[in-house]
């Protein structure tokens, strides 16, 4: 995600949005950069193992689940400009709303994204 930080940091001002006096990176640009960072084999397809690898970075205590606290701390330390967006994304990833991301949450999130069923 260091690539994500670097690219988001150099995004020109015209690719940002302002809300309530605060300027945020354009969500479509952020999503594209996040995809490129997650696509480890650079085949333009996000495989399930690549998605799980991204979330593994957030699991600070290595218990196999990512708490909202772990996720927020990772973003604050590595990508502070994404903290606000990160809270929204966490809610999207957390399929059962238990404030922990676990394997079943990844499975459900991946199914939402998997357009070809593989």
PDB file of N, CA and C in Angstrom:
ATOM      1  N   UNK A   1       0.821  -1.187   0.000  1.00  0.00           N
ATOM      2  CA  UNK A   1       0.000   0.000   0.000  1.00  0.00           C
ATOM      3  C   UNK A   1       0.863   1.248   0.000  1.00  0.00           C
ATOM      4  N   UNK A   2       2.190   1.074   0.091  1.00  0.00           N
ATOM      5  CA  UNK A   2       3.054   2.238   0.000  1.00  0.00           C
ATOM      6  C   UNK A   2       2.910   2.900  -1.358  1.00  0.00           C
ATOM      7  N   UNK A   3       2.694   2.085  -2.395  1.00  0.00           N
ATOM      8  CA  UNK A   3       2.448   2.624  -3.728  1.00  0.00           C
ATOM      9  C   UNK A   3       1.183   3.465  -3.714  1.00  0.00           C
ATOM     10  N   UNK A   4       0.168   2.979  -3.011  1.00  0.00           N
ATOM     11  CA  UNK A   4      -1.089   3.721  -2.895  1.00  0.00           C
ATOM     12  C   UNK A   4      -0.824   5.085  -2.275  1.00  0.00           C
ATOM     13  N   UNK A   5      -0.068   5.114  -1.195  1.00  0.00           N
ATOM     14  CA  UNK A   5       0.224   6.383  -0.536  1.00  0.00           C
ATOM     15  C   UNK A   5       0.965   7.314  -1.476  1.00  0.00           C
ATOM     16  N   UNK A   6       1.973   6.816  -2.152  1.00  0.00           N
ATOM     17  CA  UNK A   6       2.757   7.638  -3.065  1.00  0.00           C
ATOM     18  C   UNK A   6       1.891   8.210  -4.178  1.00  0.00           C
ATOM     19  N   UNK A   7       1.086   7.363  -4.814  1.00  0.00           N
ATOM     20  CA  UNK A   7       0.263   7.834  -5.921  1.00  0.00           C
ATOM     21  C   UNK A   7      -0.823   8.795  -5.462  1.00  0.00           C
ATOM     22  N   UNK A   8      -1.428   8.519  -4.330  1.00  0.00           N
ATOM     23  CA  UNK A   8      -2.461   9.418  -3.829  1.00  0.00           C
ATOM     24  C   UNK A   8      -1.838  10.748  -3.428  1.00  0.00           C
ATOM     25  N   UNK A   9      -0.638  10.707  -2.906  1.00  0.00           N
ATOM     26  CA  UNK A   9       0.021  11.933  -2.477  1.00  0.00           C
ATOM     27  C   UNK A   9       0.358  12.843  -3.653  1.00  0.00           C
ATOM     28  N   UNK A  10       0.564  12.267  -4.839  1.00  0.00           N
ATOM     29  CA  UNK A  10       0.935  13.098  -5.981  1.00  0.00           C
ATOM     30  C   UNK A  10      -0.206  13.341  -6.947  1.00  0.00           C
ATOM     31  N   UNK A  11      -1.413  12.907  -6.588  1.00  0.00           N
ATOM     32  CA  UNK A  11      -2.572  13.139  -7.442  1.00  0.00           C
ATOM     33  C   UNK A  11      -2.773  14.643  -7.574  1.00  0.00           C
ATOM     34  N   UNK A  12      -2.886  15.152  -8.780  1.00  0.00           N
ATOM     35  CA  UNK A  12      -3.071  16.586  -8.959  1.00  0.00           C
ATOM     36  C   UNK A  12      -4.365  17.078  -8.328  1.00  0.00           C
ATOM     37  N   UNK A  13      -4.376  18.347  -7.969  1.00  0.00           N
ATOM     38  CA  UNK A  13      -5.532  18.945  -7.299  1.00  0.00           C
ATOM     39  C   UNK A  13      -6.808  18.803  -8.108  1.00  0.00           C
ATOM     40  N   UNK A  14      -6.727  18.743  -9.412  1.00  0.00           N
ATOM     41  CA  UNK A  14      -7.928  18.619 -10.236  1.00  0.00           C
ATOM     42  C   UNK A  14      -8.586  17.255 -10.084  1.00  0.00           C
ATOM     43  N   UNK A  15      -7.885  16.288  -9.500  1.00  0.00           N
ATOM     44  CA  UNK A  15      -8.446  14.961  -9.292  1.00  0.00           C
ATOM     45  C   UNK A  15      -8.938  14.781  -7.862  1.00  0.00           C
ATOM     46  N   UNK A  16      -9.208  15.897  -7.196  1.00  0.00           N
ATOM     47  CA  UNK A  16      -9.689  15.860  -5.825  1.00  0.00           C
ATOM     48  C   UNK A  16     -11.078  16.465  -5.748  1.00  0.00           C
ATOM     49  N   UNK A  17     -11.770  16.161  -4.659  1.00  0.00           N
ATOM     50  CA  UNK A  17     -13.089  16.729  -4.407  1.00  0.00           C
ATOM     51  C   UNK A  17     -13.059  17.431  -3.065  1.00  0.00           C
ATOM     52  N   UNK A  18     -13.810  18.508  -2.942  1.00  0.00           N
ATOM     53  CA  UNK A  18     -13.880  19.240  -1.690  1.00  0.00           C
ATOM     54  C   UNK A  18     -15.270  19.083  -1.107  1.00  0.00           C
ATOM     55  N   UNK A  19     -15.307  18.778   0.181  1.00  0.00           N
ATOM     56  CA  UNK A  19     -16.579  18.630   0.882  1.00  0.00           C
ATOM     57  C   UNK A  19     -16.408  19.248   2.267  1.00  0.00           C
ATOM     58  N   UNK A  20     -17.248  20.197   2.585  1.00  0.00           N
ATOM     59  CA  UNK A  20     -17.173  20.835   3.896  1.00  0.00           C
ATOM     60  C   UNK A  20     -15.844  21.506   4.165  1.00  0.00           C
ATOM     61  N   UNK A  21     -15.216  22.034   3.126  1.00  0.00           N
ATOM     62  CA  UNK A  21     -13.941  22.720   3.284  1.00  0.00           C
ATOM     63  C   UNK A  21     -12.737  21.802   3.316  1.00  0.00           C
ATOM     64  N   UNK A  22     -12.956  20.495   3.272  1.00  0.00           N
ATOM     65  CA  UNK A  22     -11.858  19.525   3.272  1.00  0.00           C
ATOM     66  C   UNK A  22     -11.737  18.919   1.888  1.00  0.00           C
ATOM     67  N   UNK A  23     -10.508  18.815   1.402  1.00  0.00           N
ATOM     68  CA  UNK A  23     -10.268  18.248   0.083  1.00  0.00           C
ATOM     69  C   UNK A  23      -9.887  16.778   0.222  1.00  0.00           C
ATOM     70  N   UNK A  24     -10.574  15.925  -0.547  1.00  0.00           N
ATOM     71  CA  UNK A  24     -10.337  14.485  -0.549  1.00  0.00           C
ATOM     72  C   UNK A  24      -9.939  14.051  -1.948  1.00  0.00           C
ATOM     73  N   UNK A  25      -9.124  12.988  -2.055  1.00  0.00           N
ATOM     74  CA  UNK A  25      -8.834  12.448  -3.383  1.00  0.00           C
ATOM     75  C   UNK A  25     -10.121  11.952  -4.033  1.00  0.00           C
ATOM     76  N   UNK A  26     -10.203  12.053  -5.335  1.00  0.00           N
ATOM     77  CA  UNK A  26     -11.359  11.557  -6.079  1.00  0.00           C
ATOM     78  C   UNK A  26     -11.493  10.062  -5.805  1.00  0.00           C
ATOM     79  N   UNK A  27     -12.668   9.604  -5.339  1.00  0.00           N
ATOM     80  CA  UNK A  27     -12.841   8.185  -5.000  1.00  0.00           C
ATOM     81  C   UNK A  27     -12.540   7.237  -6.160  1.00  0.00           C
ATOM     82  N   UNK A  28     -12.839   7.635  -7.389  1.00  0.00           N
ATOM     83  CA  UNK A  28     -12.562   6.736  -8.513  1.00  0.00           C
ATOM     84  C   UNK A  28     -11.063   6.577  -8.726  1.00  0.00           C
ATOM     85  N   UNK A  29     -10.306   7.627  -8.490  1.00  0.00           N
ATOM     86  CA  UNK A  29      -8.851   7.549  -8.606  1.00  0.00           C
ATOM     87  C   UNK A  29      -8.300   6.666  -7.489  1.00  0.00           C
ATOM     88  N   UNK A  30      -8.807   6.876  -6.276  1.00  0.00           N
ATOM     89  CA  UNK A  30      -8.359   6.069  -5.134  1.00  0.00           C
ATOM     90  C   UNK A  30      -8.671   4.597  -5.381  1.00  0.00           C
ATOM     91  N   UNK A  31      -9.882   4.304  -5.843  1.00  0.00           N
ATOM     92  CA  UNK A  31     -10.264   2.914  -6.113  1.00  0.00           C
ATOM     93  C   UNK A  31      -9.355   2.286  -7.159  1.00  0.00           C
ATOM     94  N   UNK A  32      -9.038   3.027  -8.202  1.00  0.00           N
ATOM     95  CA  UNK A  32      -8.170   2.497  -9.259  1.00  0.00           C
ATOM     96  C   UNK A  32      -6.770   2.209  -8.716  1.00  0.00           C
ATOM     97  N   UNK A  33      -6.230   3.125  -7.926  1.00  0.00           N
ATOM     98  CA  UNK A  33      -4.899   2.930  -7.359  1.00  0.00           C
ATOM     99  C   UNK A  33      -4.899   1.753  -6.384  1.00  0.00           C
ATOM    100  N   UNK A  34      -5.973   1.635  -5.586  1.00  0.00           N
ATOM    101  CA  UNK A  34      -6.066   0.508  -4.659  1.00  0.00           C
ATOM    102  C   UNK A  34      -6.119  -0.815  -5.419  1.00  0.00           C
ATOM    103  N   UNK A  35      -6.847  -0.837  -6.528  1.00  0.00           N
ATOM    104  CA  UNK A  35      -6.919  -2.049  -7.345  1.00  0.00           C
ATOM    105  C   UNK A  35      -5.536  -2.407  -7.882  1.00  0.00           C
ATOM    106  N   UNK A  36      -4.842  -1.423  -8.439  1.00  0.00           N
ATOM    107  CA  UNK A  36      -3.513  -1.690  -8.989  1.00  0.00           C
ATOM    108  C   UNK A  36      -2.567  -2.211  -7.915  1.00  0.00           C
ATOM    109  N   UNK A  37      -2.669  -1.676  -6.711  1.00  0.00           N
ATOM    110  CA  UNK A  37      -1.820  -2.132  -5.616  1.00  0.00           C
ATOM    111  C   UNK A  37      -2.164  -3.559  -5.196  1.00  0.00           C
ATOM    112  N   UNK A  38      -3.439  -3.902  -5.210  1.00  0.00           N
ATOM    113  CA  UNK A  38      -3.886  -5.236  -4.790  1.00  0.00           C
ATOM    114  C   UNK A  38      -3.602  -6.306  -5.836  1.00  0.00           C
ATOM    115  N   UNK A  39      -3.552  -5.927  -7.095  1.00  0.00           N
ATOM    116  CA  UNK A  39      -3.360  -6.876  -8.200  1.00  0.00           C
ATOM    117  C   UNK A  39      -1.889  -7.289  -8.267  1.00  0.00           C
ATOM    118  N   UNK A  40      -1.497  -8.186  -7.359  1.00  0.00           N
ATOM    119  CA  UNK A  40      -0.093  -8.556  -7.176  1.00  0.00           C
ATOM    120  C   UNK A  40       0.564  -9.120  -8.431  1.00  0.00           C
ATOM    121  N   UNK A  41      -0.194  -9.878  -9.230  1.00  0.00           N
ATOM    122  CA  UNK A  41       0.406 -10.475 -10.426  1.00  0.00           C
ATOM    123  C   UNK A  41       0.211  -9.610 -11.674  1.00  0.00           C
ATOM    124  N   UNK A  42      -0.367  -8.434 -11.499  1.00  0.00           N
ATOM    125  CA  UNK A  42      -0.541  -7.460 -12.594  1.00  0.00           C
ATOM    126  C   UNK A  42      -1.256  -8.019 -13.811  1.00  0.00           C
ATOM    127  N   UNK A  43      -2.243  -8.898 -13.582  1.00  0.00           N
ATOM    128  CA  UNK A  43      -2.976  -9.465 -14.717  1.00  0.00           C
ATOM    129  C   UNK A  43      -4.329  -8.767 -14.933  1.00  0.00           C
ATOM    130  N   UNK A  44      -4.545  -7.657 -14.250  1.00  0.00           N
ATOM    131  CA  UNK A  44      -5.777  -6.854 -14.312  1.00  0.00           C
ATOM    132  C   UNK A  44      -7.010  -7.600 -13.820  1.00  0.00           C
ATOM    133  N   UNK A  45      -6.788  -8.679 -13.065  1.00  0.00           N
ATOM    134  CA  UNK A  45      -7.882  -9.428 -12.447  1.00  0.00           C
ATOM    135  C   UNK A  45      -7.544  -9.551 -10.963  1.00  0.00           C
ATOM    136  N   UNK A  46      -8.482  -9.183 -10.091  1.00  0.00           N
ATOM    137  CA  UNK A  46      -8.249  -9.313  -8.664  1.00  0.00           C
ATOM    138  C   UNK A  46      -8.741 -10.685  -8.217  1.00  0.00           C
ATOM    139  N   UNK A  47      -7.787 -11.560  -7.909  1.00  0.00           N
ATOM    140  CA  UNK A  47      -8.100 -12.914  -7.467  1.00  0.00           C
ATOM    141  C   UNK A  47      -8.360 -12.908  -5.965  1.00  0.00           C
ATOM    142  N   UNK A  48      -9.073 -13.913  -5.499  1.00  0.00           N
ATOM    143  CA  UNK A  48      -9.454 -13.977  -4.092  1.00  0.00           C
ATOM    144  C   UNK A  48      -8.230 -13.961  -3.182  1.00  0.00           C
ATOM    145  N   UNK A  49      -7.186 -14.671  -3.543  1.00  0.00           N
ATOM    146  CA  UNK A  49      -5.988 -14.690  -2.704  1.00  0.00           C
ATOM    147  C   UNK A  49      -5.338 -13.316  -2.624  1.00  0.00           C
ATOM    148  N   UNK A  50      -5.454 -12.520  -3.683  1.00  0.00           N
ATOM    149  CA  UNK A  50      -4.918 -11.159  -3.657  1.00  0.00           C
ATOM    150  C   UNK A  50      -5.739 -10.275  -2.712  1.00  0.00           C
ATOM    151  N   UNK A  51      -7.051 -10.462  -2.714  1.00  0.00           N
ATOM    152  CA  UNK A  51      -7.916  -9.711  -1.809  1.00  0.00           C
ATOM    153  C   UNK A  51      -7.600 -10.062  -0.357  1.00  0.00           C
ATOM    154  N   UNK A  52      -7.455 -11.340  -0.071  1.00  0.00           N
ATOM    155  CA  UNK A  52      -7.131 -11.774   1.291  1.00  0.00           C
ATOM    156  C   UNK A  52      -5.759 -11.238   1.711  1.00  0.00           C
ATOM    157  N   UNK A  53      -4.810 -11.210   0.801  1.00  0.00           N
ATOM    158  CA  UNK A  53      -3.469 -10.691   1.111  1.00  0.00           C
ATOM    159  C   UNK A  53      -3.520  -9.225   1.524  1.00  0.00           C
ATOM    160  N   UNK A  54      -4.391  -8.452   0.887  1.00  0.00           N
ATOM    161  CA  UNK A  54      -4.535  -7.044   1.260  1.00  0.00           C
ATOM    162  C   UNK A  54      -5.013  -6.938   2.704  1.00  0.00           C
ATOM    163  N   UNK A  55      -6.030  -7.703   3.058  1.00  0.00           N
ATOM    164  CA  UNK A  55      -6.577  -7.620   4.399  1.00  0.00           C
ATOM    165  C   UNK A  55      -5.625  -8.169   5.454  1.00  0.00           C
ATOM    166  N   UNK A  56      -4.764  -9.087   5.078  1.00  0.00           N
ATOM    167  CA  UNK A  56      -3.796  -9.642   6.015  1.00  0.00           C
ATOM    168  C   UNK A  56      -2.883  -8.550   6.565  1.00  0.00           C
ATOM    169  N   UNK A  57      -2.596  -7.543   5.762  1.00  0.00           N
ATOM    170  CA  UNK A  57      -1.758  -6.428   6.218  1.00  0.00           C
ATOM    171  C   UNK A  57      -2.384  -5.700   7.400  1.00  0.00           C
ATOM    172  N   UNK A  58      -3.703  -5.681   7.448  1.00  0.00           N
ATOM    173  CA  UNK A  58      -4.406  -4.956   8.502  1.00  0.00           C
ATOM    174  C   UNK A  58      -4.482  -5.732   9.813  1.00  0.00           C
ATOM    175  N   UNK A  59      -4.263  -7.035   9.781  1.00  0.00           N
ATOM    176  CA  UNK A  59      -4.431  -7.902  10.949  1.00  0.00           C
ATOM    177  C   UNK A  59      -3.208  -7.799  11.859  1.00  0.00           C
ATOM    178  N   UNK A  60      -3.168  -6.762  12.682  1.00  0.00           N
ATOM    179  CA  UNK A  60      -1.993  -6.449  13.501  1.00  0.00           C
ATOM    180  C   UNK A  60      -1.645  -7.544  14.500  1.00  0.00           C
ATOM    181  N   UNK A  61      -2.644  -8.208  15.073  1.00  0.00           N
ATOM    182  CA  UNK A  61      -2.357  -9.229  16.083  1.00  0.00           C
ATOM    183  C   UNK A  61      -2.375 -10.654  15.507  1.00  0.00           C
ATOM    184  N   UNK A  62      -2.516 -10.773  14.189  1.00  0.00           N
ATOM    185  CA  UNK A  62      -2.444 -12.064  13.489  1.00  0.00           C
ATOM    186  C   UNK A  62      -3.416 -13.111  14.033  1.00  0.00           C
ATOM    187  N   UNK A  63      -4.633 -12.674  14.374  1.00  0.00           N
ATOM    188  CA  UNK A  63      -5.626 -13.628  14.870  1.00  0.00           C
ATOM    189  C   UNK A  63      -6.590 -14.093  13.783  1.00  0.00           C
ATOM    190  N   UNK A  64      -6.335 -13.697  12.542  1.00  0.00           N
ATOM    191  CA  UNK A  64      -7.181 -14.134  11.439  1.00  0.00           C
ATOM    192  C   UNK A  64      -8.415 -13.280  11.227  1.00  0.00           C
ATOM    193  N   UNK A  65      -8.565 -12.217  12.007  1.00  0.00           N
ATOM    194  CA  UNK A  65      -9.675 -11.282  11.836  1.00  0.00           C
ATOM    195  C   UNK A  65      -9.129  -9.863  11.946  1.00  0.00           C
ATOM    196  N   UNK A  66      -9.793  -8.963  11.278  1.00  0.00           N
ATOM    197  CA  UNK A  66      -9.370  -7.567  11.296  1.00  0.00           C
ATOM    198  C   UNK A  66     -10.452  -6.755  12.000  1.00  0.00           C
ATOM    199  N   UNK A  67     -10.113  -6.216  13.162  1.00  0.00           N
ATOM    200  CA  UNK A  67     -11.065  -5.379  13.880  1.00  0.00           C
ATOM    201  C   UNK A  67     -11.093  -3.987  13.246  1.00  0.00           C
ATOM    202  N   UNK A  68     -12.155  -3.261  13.516  1.00  0.00           N
ATOM    203  CA  UNK A  68     -12.236  -1.879  13.027  1.00  0.00           C
ATOM    204  C   UNK A  68     -11.048  -1.081  13.560  1.00  0.00           C
ATOM    205  N   UNK A  69     -10.653  -1.353  14.789  1.00  0.00           N
ATOM    206  CA  UNK A  69      -9.528  -0.657  15.408  1.00  0.00           C
ATOM    207  C   UNK A  69      -8.227  -0.933  14.643  1.00  0.00           C
ATOM    208  N   UNK A  70      -7.966  -2.209  14.317  1.00  0.00           N
ATOM    209  CA  UNK A  70      -6.758  -2.556  13.560  1.00  0.00           C
ATOM    210  C   UNK A  70      -6.762  -1.871  12.199  1.00  0.00           C
ATOM    211  N   UNK A  71      -7.904  -1.909  11.530  1.00  0.00           N
ATOM    212  CA  UNK A  71      -8.046  -1.316  10.206  1.00  0.00           C
ATOM    213  C   UNK A  71      -7.795   0.188  10.261  1.00  0.00           C
ATOM    214  N   UNK A  72      -8.420   0.852  11.231  1.00  0.00           N
ATOM    215  CA  UNK A  72      -8.262   2.297  11.375  1.00  0.00           C
ATOM    216  C   UNK A  72      -6.825   2.666  11.719  1.00  0.00           C
ATOM    217  N   UNK A  73      -6.203   1.902  12.613  1.00  0.00           N
ATOM    218  CA  UNK A  73      -4.808   2.177  12.977  1.00  0.00           C
ATOM    219  C   UNK A  73      -3.879   2.027  11.777  1.00  0.00           C
ATOM    220  N   UNK A  74      -4.112   1.000  10.952  1.00  0.00           N
ATOM    221  CA  UNK A  74      -3.276   0.814   9.766  1.00  0.00           C
ATOM    222  C   UNK A  74      -3.419   2.009   8.829  1.00  0.00           C
ATOM    223  N   UNK A  75      -4.654   2.409   8.570  1.00  0.00           N
ATOM    224  CA  UNK A  75      -4.863   3.548   7.682  1.00  0.00           C
ATOM    225  C   UNK A  75      -4.230   4.811   8.243  1.00  0.00           C
ATOM    226  N   UNK A  76      -4.411   5.054   9.533  1.00  0.00           N
ATOM    227  CA  UNK A  76      -3.851   6.256  10.143  1.00  0.00           C
ATOM    228  C   UNK A  76      -2.336   6.275  10.022  1.00  0.00           C
ATOM    229  N   UNK A  77      -1.707   5.131  10.182  1.00  0.00           N
ATOM    230  CA  UNK A  77      -0.243   5.048  10.127  1.00  0.00           C
ATOM    231  C   UNK A  77       0.305   5.085   8.701  1.00  0.00           C
ATOM    232  N   UNK A  78      -0.422   4.492   7.739  1.00  0.00           N
ATOM    233  CA  UNK A  78       0.120   4.326   6.390  1.00  0.00           C
ATOM    234  C   UNK A  78      -0.556   5.192   5.327  1.00  0.00           C
ATOM    235  N   UNK A  79      -1.830   5.495   5.514  1.00  0.00           N
ATOM    236  CA  UNK A  79      -2.586   6.235   4.501  1.00  0.00           C
ATOM    237  C   UNK A  79      -3.605   7.167   5.170  1.00  0.00           C
ATOM    238  N   UNK A  80      -3.123   8.139   5.945  1.00  0.00           N
ATOM    239  CA  UNK A  80      -4.047   8.963   6.735  1.00  0.00           C
ATOM    240  C   UNK A  80      -5.073   9.732   5.907  1.00  0.00           C
ATOM    241  N   UNK A  81      -4.763   9.994   4.657  1.00  0.00           N
ATOM    242  CA  UNK A  81      -5.721  10.704   3.802  1.00  0.00           C
ATOM    243  C   UNK A  81      -6.934   9.843   3.462  1.00  0.00           C
ATOM    244  N   UNK A  82      -6.871   8.553   3.755  1.00  0.00           N
ATOM    245  CA  UNK A  82      -7.975   7.639   3.435  1.00  0.00           C
ATOM    246  C   UNK A  82      -8.798   7.228   4.656  1.00  0.00           C
ATOM    247  N   UNK A  83      -8.526   7.809   5.823  1.00  0.00           N
ATOM    248  CA  UNK A  83      -9.217   7.383   7.044  1.00  0.00           C
ATOM    249  C   UNK A  83     -10.730   7.542   6.915  1.00  0.00           C
ATOM    250  N   UNK A  84     -11.195   8.691   6.442  1.00  0.00           N
ATOM    251  CA  UNK A  84     -12.638   8.909   6.324  1.00  0.00           C
ATOM    252  C   UNK A  84     -13.259   7.929   5.344  1.00  0.00           C
ATOM    253  N   UNK A  85     -12.665   7.785   4.182  1.00  0.00           N
ATOM    254  CA  UNK A  85     -13.147   6.817   3.195  1.00  0.00           C
ATOM    255  C   UNK A  85     -13.030   5.400   3.754  1.00  0.00           C
ATOM    256  N   UNK A  86     -11.993   5.151   4.524  1.00  0.00           N
ATOM    257  CA  UNK A  86     -11.769   3.830   5.089  1.00  0.00           C
ATOM    258  C   UNK A  86     -12.891   3.356   5.986  1.00  0.00           C
ATOM    259  N   UNK A  87     -13.495   4.259   6.744  1.00  0.00           N
ATOM    260  CA  UNK A  87     -14.619   3.866   7.607  1.00  0.00           C
ATOM    261  C   UNK A  87     -15.803   3.400   6.766  1.00  0.00           C
ATOM    262  N   UNK A  88     -16.061   4.090   5.676  1.00  0.00           N
ATOM    263  CA  UNK A  88     -17.129   3.665   4.765  1.00  0.00           C
ATOM    264  C   UNK A  88     -16.794   2.302   4.159  1.00  0.00           C
ATOM    265  N   UNK A  89     -15.560   2.131   3.701  1.00  0.00           N
ATOM    266  CA  UNK A  89     -15.155   0.868   3.082  1.00  0.00           C
ATOM    267  C   UNK A  89     -15.230  -0.288   4.081  1.00  0.00           C
ATOM    268  N   UNK A  90     -14.820  -0.041   5.313  1.00  0.00           N
ATOM    269  CA  UNK A  90     -14.876  -1.099   6.321  1.00  0.00           C
ATOM    270  C   UNK A  90     -16.308  -1.604   6.478  1.00  0.00           C
ATOM    271  N   UNK A  91     -17.259  -0.676   6.515  1.00  0.00           N
ATOM    272  CA  UNK A  91     -18.663  -1.070   6.638  1.00  0.00           C
ATOM    273  C   UNK A  91     -19.112  -1.900   5.433  1.00  0.00           C
ATOM    274  N   UNK A  92     -18.582  -1.588   4.260  1.00  0.00           N
ATOM    275  CA  UNK A  92     -18.900  -2.373   3.060  1.00  0.00           C
ATOM    276  C   UNK A  92     -18.306  -3.774   3.147  1.00  0.00           C
ATOM    277  N   UNK A  93     -17.087  -3.877   3.642  1.00  0.00           N
ATOM    278  CA  UNK A  93     -16.411  -5.173   3.754  1.00  0.00           C
ATOM    279  C   UNK A  93     -17.035  -6.050   4.838  1.00  0.00           C
ATOM    280  N   UNK A  94     -17.521  -5.442   5.918  1.00  0.00           N
ATOM    281  CA  UNK A  94     -18.035  -6.163   7.084  1.00  0.00           C
ATOM    282  C   UNK A  94     -19.470  -6.640   6.816  1.00  0.00           C
ATOM    283  N   UNK A  95     -19.593  -7.749   6.130  1.00  0.00           N
ATOM    284  CA  UNK A  95     -20.891  -8.236   5.633  1.00  0.00           C
ATOM    285  C   UNK A  95     -21.911  -8.478   6.746  1.00  0.00           C
ATOM    286  N   UNK A  96     -21.468  -8.980   7.905  1.00  0.00           N
ATOM    287  CA  UNK A  96     -22.416  -9.287   8.970  1.00  0.00           C
ATOM    288  C   UNK A  96     -22.492  -8.190  10.037  1.00  0.00           C
ATOM    289  N   UNK A  97     -21.733  -7.109   9.861  1.00  0.00           N
ATOM    290  CA  UNK A  97     -21.818  -5.965  10.765  1.00  0.00           C
ATOM    291  C   UNK A  97     -21.314  -6.220  12.174  1.00  0.00           C
ATOM    292  N   UNK A  98     -20.412  -7.191  12.340  1.00  0.00           N
ATOM    293  CA  UNK A  98     -19.925  -7.499  13.692  1.00  0.00           C
ATOM    294  C   UNK A  98     -18.646  -6.739  14.056  1.00  0.00           C
ATOM    295  N   UNK A  99     -18.216  -5.827  13.215  1.00  0.00           N
ATOM    296  CA  UNK A  99     -17.025  -4.992  13.422  1.00  0.00           C
ATOM    297  C   UNK A  99     -15.732  -5.790  13.415  1.00  0.00           C
ATOM    298  N   UNK A 100     -15.762  -6.936  12.761  1.00  0.00           N
ATOM    299  CA  UNK A 100     -14.561  -7.730  12.506  1.00  0.00           C
ATOM    300  C   UNK A 100     -14.630  -8.249  11.075  1.00  0.00           C
ATOM    301  N   UNK A 101     -13.514  -8.181  10.386  1.00  0.00           N
ATOM    302  CA  UNK A 101     -13.447  -8.753   9.042  1.00  0.00           C
ATOM    303  C   UNK A 101     -12.825 -10.131   9.167  1.00  0.00           C
ATOM    304  N   UNK A 102     -13.581 -11.123   8.699  1.00  0.00           N
ATOM    305  CA  UNK A 102     -13.140 -12.509   8.779  1.00  0.00           C
ATOM    306  C   UNK A 102     -13.310 -13.156   7.412  1.00  0.00           C
ATOM    307  N   UNK A 103     -12.916 -14.423   7.298  1.00  0.00           N
ATOM    308  CA  UNK A 103     -12.948 -15.107   6.009  1.00  0.00           C
ATOM    309  C   UNK A 103     -14.315 -15.017   5.345  1.00  0.00           C
ATOM    310  N   UNK A 104     -15.394 -15.198   6.081  1.00  0.00           N
ATOM    311  CA  UNK A 104     -16.723 -15.156   5.459  1.00  0.00           C
ATOM    312  C   UNK A 104     -17.030 -13.757   4.903  1.00  0.00           C
ATOM    313  N   UNK A 105     -16.496 -12.713   5.538  1.00  0.00           N
ATOM    314  CA  UNK A 105     -16.680 -11.363   4.996  1.00  0.00           C
ATOM    315  C   UNK A 105     -15.943 -11.210   3.670  1.00  0.00           C
ATOM    316  N   UNK A 106     -14.736 -11.771   3.593  1.00  0.00           N
ATOM    317  CA  UNK A 106     -13.979 -11.718   2.341  1.00  0.00           C
ATOM    318  C   UNK A 106     -14.715 -12.474   1.240  1.00  0.00           C
ATOM    319  N   UNK A 107     -15.257 -13.644   1.605  1.00  0.00           N
ATOM    320  CA  UNK A 107     -15.995 -14.453   0.636  1.00  0.00           C
ATOM    321  C   UNK A 107     -17.188 -13.680   0.072  1.00  0.00           C
ATOM    322  N   UNK A 108     -17.950 -13.061   0.942  1.00  0.00           N
ATOM    323  CA  UNK A 108     -19.131 -12.306   0.505  1.00  0.00           C
ATOM    324  C   UNK A 108     -18.726 -11.093  -0.316  1.00  0.00           C
ATOM    325  N   UNK A 109     -17.701 -10.359   0.129  1.00  0.00           N
ATOM    326  CA  UNK A 109     -17.245  -9.184  -0.612  1.00  0.00           C
ATOM    327  C   UNK A 109     -16.725  -9.596  -1.990  1.00  0.00           C
ATOM    328  N   UNK A 110     -15.970 -10.694  -2.036  1.00  0.00           N
ATOM    329  CA  UNK A 110     -15.433 -11.155  -3.319  1.00  0.00           C
ATOM    330  C   UNK A 110     -16.568 -11.562  -4.263  1.00  0.00           C
ATOM    331  N   UNK A 111     -17.597 -12.203  -3.748  1.00  0.00           N
ATOM    332  CA  UNK A 111     -18.744 -12.584  -4.577  1.00  0.00           C
ATOM    333  C   UNK A 111     -19.420 -11.359  -5.190  1.00  0.00           C
ATOM    334  N   UNK A 112     -19.472 -10.257  -4.441  1.00  0.00           N
ATOM    335  CA  UNK A 112     -20.041  -9.013  -4.972  1.00  0.00           C
ATOM    336  C   UNK A 112     -19.244  -8.502  -6.161  1.00  0.00           C
ATOM    337  N   UNK A 113     -17.925  -8.690  -6.106  1.00  0.00           N
ATOM    338  CA  UNK A 113     -17.038  -8.170  -7.152  1.00  0.00           C
ATOM    339  C   UNK A 113     -16.848  -9.147  -8.305  1.00  0.00           C
ATOM    340  N   UNK A 114     -17.046 -10.418  -8.062  1.00  0.00           N
ATOM    341  CA  UNK A 114     -16.722 -11.462  -9.031  1.00  0.00           C
ATOM    342  C   UNK A 114     -17.804 -11.552 -10.113  1.00  0.00           C
ATOM    343  N   UNK A 115     -17.566 -10.897 -11.213  1.00  0.00           N
ATOM    344  CA  UNK A 115     -18.564 -10.829 -12.271  1.00  0.00           C
ATOM    345  C   UNK A 115     -18.600 -12.074 -13.160  1.00  0.00           C
ATOM    346  N   UNK A 116     -17.501 -12.840 -13.198  1.00  0.00           N
ATOM    347  CA  UNK A 116     -17.487 -13.999 -14.078  1.00  0.00           C
ATOM    348  C   UNK A 116     -17.629 -15.319 -13.318  1.00  0.00           C
ATOM    349  N   UNK A 117     -17.780 -15.256 -12.000  1.00  0.00           N
ATOM    350  CA  UNK A 117     -18.038 -16.467 -11.225  1.00  0.00           C
ATOM    351  C   UNK A 117     -16.849 -17.368 -11.003  1.00  0.00           C
ATOM    352  N   UNK A 118     -15.633 -16.869 -11.187  1.00  0.00           N
ATOM    353  CA  UNK A 118     -14.462 -17.721 -10.973  1.00  0.00           C
ATOM    354  C   UNK A 118     -13.720 -17.328  -9.721  1.00  0.00           C
TER     355      UNK A 118
END
